[in-house]
Amino acid sequence: MPLCDVQWVLGPVHLSTTQLYLTPAPTEVIAEVLAHHQRRLAAAQAPPQPLDKEPGGGYRPESLATLFSKHPS
């Protein structure tokens, strides 16, 4: 959550007051790092996903034409 959102919810006058909430507990950091590595390991071991066979990757052709058509400057 952005610090400015925390400030808005808690209502302190100075942003520096909410910076107290930025310091995580060591156990939180360790748990997040371990979870990150588990996700990376699982992703590396997962079978590759098939590529989308639909032209345009499933986007509406008219949207792609608008985005990628050449417009005069």
Protein backbone atom coordinates (compact mmCIF):
# COMPACT_ATOMS: atom_id res chain seq x y z
CA MET A 1 0.00 0.00 0.00
CA PRO A 2 1.45 3.40 -0.85
CA LEU A 3 2.58 5.44 2.13
CA CYS A 4 0.29 8.32 1.14
CA ASP A 5 -2.70 5.93 1.43
CA VAL A 6 -1.61 4.95 4.93
CA GLN A 7 -1.29 8.63 5.77
CA TRP A 8 -4.80 9.31 4.49
CA VAL A 9 -6.32 6.42 6.48
CA LEU A 10 -4.47 7.20 9.71
CA GLY A 11 -4.72 10.96 9.33
CA PRO A 12 -1.33 12.12 10.70
CA VAL A 13 -0.26 15.63 9.77
CA HIS A 14 3.26 14.72 8.63
CA LEU A 15 4.22 11.97 6.19
CA SER A 16 7.27 11.24 8.37
CA THR A 17 4.89 10.05 11.11
CA THR A 18 3.60 7.26 8.87
CA GLN A 19 7.14 6.13 8.00
CA LEU A 20 7.09 4.22 11.28
CA TYR A 21 4.88 1.70 9.49
CA LEU A 22 7.46 1.04 6.76
CA THR A 23 9.77 -1.11 8.86
CA PRO A 24 8.71 -4.76 8.53
CA ALA A 25 9.41 -7.36 11.17
CA PRO A 26 12.36 -9.63 10.31
CA THR A 27 10.04 -12.65 10.26
CA GLU A 28 7.83 -10.92 7.64
CA VAL A 29 10.84 -10.24 5.41
CA ILE A 30 12.06 -13.83 5.69
CA ALA A 31 8.59 -15.23 4.95
CA GLU A 32 8.20 -12.98 1.89
CA VAL A 33 11.64 -13.88 0.51
CA LEU A 34 10.99 -17.60 0.98
CA ALA A 35 7.58 -17.27 -0.69
CA HIS A 36 9.19 -15.38 -3.58
CA HIS A 37 11.74 -18.15 -4.12
CA GLN A 38 9.03 -20.82 -3.93
CA ARG A 39 7.02 -19.01 -6.63
CA ARG A 40 10.10 -18.73 -8.86
CA LEU A 41 10.93 -22.41 -8.37
CA ALA A 42 7.35 -23.46 -9.13
CA ALA A 43 7.29 -21.28 -12.26
CA ALA A 44 10.59 -22.75 -13.46
CA GLN A 45 9.31 -26.31 -12.97
CA ALA A 46 5.88 -25.71 -14.52
CA PRO A 47 5.33 -26.99 -18.05
CA PRO A 48 5.44 -24.24 -20.67
CA GLN A 49 2.10 -22.69 -21.50
CA PRO A 50 0.90 -23.01 -25.09
CA LEU A 51 1.03 -19.84 -27.13
CA ASP A 52 -2.24 -18.19 -28.03
CA LYS A 53 -3.17 -19.38 -31.53
CA GLU A 54 -5.73 -16.63 -32.07
CA PRO A 55 -4.44 -13.77 -34.28
CA GLY A 56 -3.95 -10.62 -32.27
CA GLY A 57 -3.69 -12.53 -29.01
CA GLY A 58 -7.42 -12.30 -28.38
CA TYR A 59 -7.57 -8.50 -28.72
CA ARG A 60 -10.31 -6.95 -30.80
CA PRO A 61 -9.03 -6.39 -34.37
CA GLU A 62 -10.47 -2.87 -34.49
CA SER A 63 -8.57 -1.94 -31.32
CA LEU A 64 -5.32 -3.27 -32.78
CA ALA A 65 -5.95 -1.40 -36.04
CA THR A 66 -6.45 1.84 -34.14
CA LEU A 67 -3.34 1.37 -32.02
CA PHE A 68 -1.00 0.27 -34.78
CA SER A 69 -2.24 2.11 -37.86
CA LYS A 70 0.04 4.79 -39.26
CA HIS A 71 -1.31 8.26 -38.67
CA PRO A 72 0.09 11.35 -40.42
CA SER A 73 2.01 13.62 -38.05
